[in-house]
Amino acid sequence: HLERVAVGNVFRVLVPAFVQMGLTTLAALQPAATRLQVLALGAIATAALLQPRSLGLPADTEGVPFVMALTICQLAVVGLMLVVTGYQLVLTAGVDRRTAELCSERRAALVGEWKAAFVAKRALEEQLPGGAQQPAAPADVSLSLSTGEPLGAG
């Protein structure tokens, strides 16, 4: 015969469980590294609620009472979020590394293409009659903003 001694035992479990649910919800809005820390701490706190003594139940309780089932469900959700967050961190690290590699490869390829283009340009200029002539530098012409006519040097 099991009698409830006080309603406080229920609140001793439900209040921490609801606080843990709130923290889990707020952790979902955080960046992955912060979320991982909050969820790991939350999993430890939730696991502590699995002890029948912390639930206010006798140690020889058989079966799974409602409050313990609630705690187990919360622990399953936190565990799933931990796995997804860890996977997200692994993917993000791999993507960042691969992106940096692709950028450096592309930069090297573009530099090589530009060097080859300038070598080809110099070779063509040397084949022209008179050799590679440098074009005359254009005169610095300043225009009036209101009329568009050239301004005097000065």
Protein backbone atom coordinates (compact mmCIF):
# COMPACT_ATOMS: atom_id res chain seq x y z
CA HIS A 1 0.00 0.00 0.00
CA LEU A 2 1.58 3.27 -1.16
CA GLU A 3 0.32 6.61 0.02
CA ARG A 4 1.44 9.99 -1.14
CA VAL A 5 3.04 11.79 1.77
CA ALA A 6 2.92 15.25 0.28
CA VAL A 7 2.30 17.05 -2.97
CA GLY A 8 5.82 18.48 -2.61
CA ASN A 9 7.29 15.28 -4.03
CA VAL A 10 5.52 15.85 -7.32
CA PHE A 11 6.71 19.44 -7.48
CA ARG A 12 10.20 18.30 -6.56
CA VAL A 13 10.25 16.52 -9.92
CA LEU A 14 7.91 18.57 -12.11
CA VAL A 15 9.52 21.94 -11.45
CA PRO A 16 13.05 20.75 -12.37
CA ALA A 17 11.61 18.86 -15.36
CA PHE A 18 9.85 21.98 -16.66
CA VAL A 19 12.97 24.08 -16.04
CA GLN A 20 14.99 21.51 -17.98
CA MET A 21 12.45 21.62 -20.82
CA GLY A 22 12.74 25.40 -20.91
CA LEU A 23 16.54 25.24 -20.98
CA THR A 24 16.42 22.68 -23.78
CA THR A 25 14.12 24.93 -25.78
CA LEU A 26 16.33 27.97 -25.24
CA ALA A 27 19.46 25.95 -26.03
CA ALA A 28 17.99 25.16 -29.45
CA LEU A 29 18.28 28.88 -30.28
CA GLN A 30 21.99 29.07 -29.37
CA PRO A 31 25.00 28.40 -31.60
CA ALA A 32 26.02 24.75 -31.79
CA ALA A 33 28.99 24.90 -29.36
CA THR A 34 26.96 26.66 -26.63
CA ARG A 35 24.00 24.37 -27.25
CA LEU A 36 26.23 21.32 -26.80
CA GLN A 37 27.41 22.54 -23.39
CA VAL A 38 23.90 23.40 -22.17
CA LEU A 39 22.47 20.09 -23.37
CA ALA A 40 25.27 18.04 -21.78
CA LEU A 41 24.70 19.75 -18.45
CA GLY A 42 20.95 19.27 -18.85
CA ALA A 43 21.39 15.54 -19.56
CA ILE A 44 23.34 15.14 -16.33
CA ALA A 45 20.72 17.05 -14.36
CA THR A 46 17.91 15.02 -15.93
CA ALA A 47 19.69 11.74 -15.23
CA ALA A 48 19.89 12.69 -11.55
CA LEU A 49 16.07 12.78 -11.50
CA LEU A 50 15.90 9.10 -12.45
CA GLN A 51 16.68 7.99 -8.90
CA PRO A 52 13.45 6.90 -7.16
CA ARG A 53 14.66 8.61 -4.00
CA SER A 54 14.89 11.99 -5.77
CA LEU A 55 11.33 11.46 -6.98
CA GLY A 56 10.12 10.95 -3.44
CA LEU A 57 9.36 7.28 -4.10
CA PRO A 58 10.42 4.31 -1.98
CA ALA A 59 13.57 2.56 -3.18
CA ASP A 60 11.72 -0.69 -3.89
CA THR A 61 9.25 0.89 -6.33
CA GLU A 62 8.54 -1.39 -9.28
CA GLY A 63 7.55 -0.22 -12.74
CA VAL A 64 7.88 3.28 -14.11
CA PRO A 65 5.76 5.95 -12.43
CA PHE A 66 4.45 8.86 -14.50
CA VAL A 67 7.02 11.36 -13.24
CA MET A 68 9.84 8.93 -14.03
CA ALA A 69 8.39 8.37 -17.52
CA LEU A 70 8.33 12.14 -18.01
CA THR A 71 11.99 12.32 -17.00
CA ILE A 72 12.91 9.46 -19.35
CA CYS A 73 11.17 11.20 -22.27
CA GLN A 74 13.00 14.43 -21.47
CA LEU A 75 16.31 12.56 -21.34
CA ALA A 76 15.56 10.98 -24.74
CA VAL A 77 14.87 14.41 -26.28
CA VAL A 78 18.05 15.88 -24.80
CA GLY A 79 20.05 12.86 -26.01
CA LEU A 80 18.68 13.24 -29.53
CA MET A 81 19.51 16.94 -29.53
CA LEU A 82 23.04 16.13 -28.32
CA VAL A 83 23.56 13.70 -31.20
CA VAL A 84 22.19 16.15 -33.79
CA THR A 85 24.28 19.02 -32.39
CA GLY A 86 27.44 16.91 -32.39
CA TYR A 87 26.78 15.86 -35.98
CA GLN A 88 26.18 19.50 -36.92
CA LEU A 89 29.51 20.52 -35.37
CA VAL A 90 31.34 17.78 -37.30
CA LEU A 91 29.71 18.81 -40.58
CA THR A 92 30.40 22.49 -39.98
CA ALA A 93 34.07 21.85 -39.23
CA GLY A 94 34.40 19.76 -42.37
CA VAL A 95 32.62 22.33 -44.54
CA ASP A 96 34.73 25.20 -43.20
CA ARG A 97 37.95 23.28 -43.87
CA ARG A 98 36.86 22.24 -47.36
CA THR A 99 35.71 25.78 -48.20
CA ALA A 100 39.12 27.16 -47.22
CA GLU A 101 40.82 24.51 -49.39
CA LEU A 102 38.60 25.32 -52.38
CA CYS A 103 39.23 29.06 -52.01
CA SER A 104 42.99 28.60 -51.89
CA GLU A 105 42.89 26.22 -54.88
CA ARG A 106 40.76 28.65 -56.88
CA ARG A 107 42.99 31.58 -55.95
CA ALA A 108 46.08 29.65 -57.08
CA ALA A 109 44.37 28.69 -60.36
CA LEU A 110 43.34 32.29 -61.05
CA VAL A 111 46.84 33.60 -60.34
CA GLY A 112 48.24 30.98 -62.72
CA GLU A 113 45.76 31.97 -65.44
CA TRP A 114 46.59 35.66 -65.09
CA LYS A 115 50.35 34.99 -65.21
CA ALA A 116 49.90 32.88 -68.35
CA ALA A 117 47.76 35.61 -69.94
CA PHE A 118 50.39 38.30 -69.27
CA VAL A 119 53.18 36.07 -70.62
CA ALA A 120 51.15 35.51 -73.79
CA LYS A 121 50.48 39.27 -74.04
CA ARG A 122 54.20 40.09 -73.77
CA ALA A 123 55.01 37.46 -76.39
CA LEU A 124 52.47 38.97 -78.79
CA GLU A 125 53.74 42.49 -78.16
CA GLU A 126 57.29 41.43 -78.95
CA GLN A 127 56.12 39.99 -82.29
CA LEU A 128 54.68 43.36 -83.32
CA PRO A 129 56.81 45.57 -85.55
CA GLY A 130 58.75 47.96 -83.34
CA GLY A 131 58.71 45.67 -80.30
CA ALA A 132 56.72 46.14 -77.14
CA GLN A 133 55.80 49.77 -76.99
CA GLN A 134 54.29 51.19 -73.91
CA PRO A 135 51.18 53.30 -74.65
CA ALA A 136 51.42 56.95 -73.75
CA ALA A 137 49.91 57.75 -70.40
CA PRO A 138 46.63 59.62 -70.82
CA ALA A 139 46.66 63.21 -69.70
CA ASP A 140 44.96 63.88 -66.39
CA VAL A 141 41.79 65.67 -67.40
CA SER A 142 39.48 66.94 -64.73
CA LEU A 143 35.91 67.72 -65.71
CA SER A 144 33.54 70.20 -64.22
CA LEU A 145 30.72 68.51 -62.32
CA SER A 146 28.15 71.06 -63.44
CA THR A 147 29.04 71.53 -67.12
CA GLY A 148 31.15 68.48 -67.92
CA GLU A 149 33.82 70.66 -69.63
CA PRO A 150 37.55 70.19 -68.96
CA LEU A 151 38.97 72.30 -66.19
CA GLY A 152 42.22 74.17 -66.56
CA ALA A 153 45.34 72.60 -65.14
CA GLY A 154 46.34 74.05 -61.89
